[in-house]
């Protein structure tokens, strides 16, 4: 991540953004899918190709 360490106030890692995404009340399940998987497949195109080859 961009920032190392744990926030002593909250006990969470400074760069832990997943908890904000999960706590969001405005993001749909599809939005979350696009954030978690869609972005990864777009950025890592070779991984996407291998997963598609395995029908995943």
Foldseek 3Di string as FASTA:
>chain_A
DPDADADPVPRHGPPPCVVVVVPDPPADPVNVCCVPPVVVCVVCVVVVVVCVVVVD
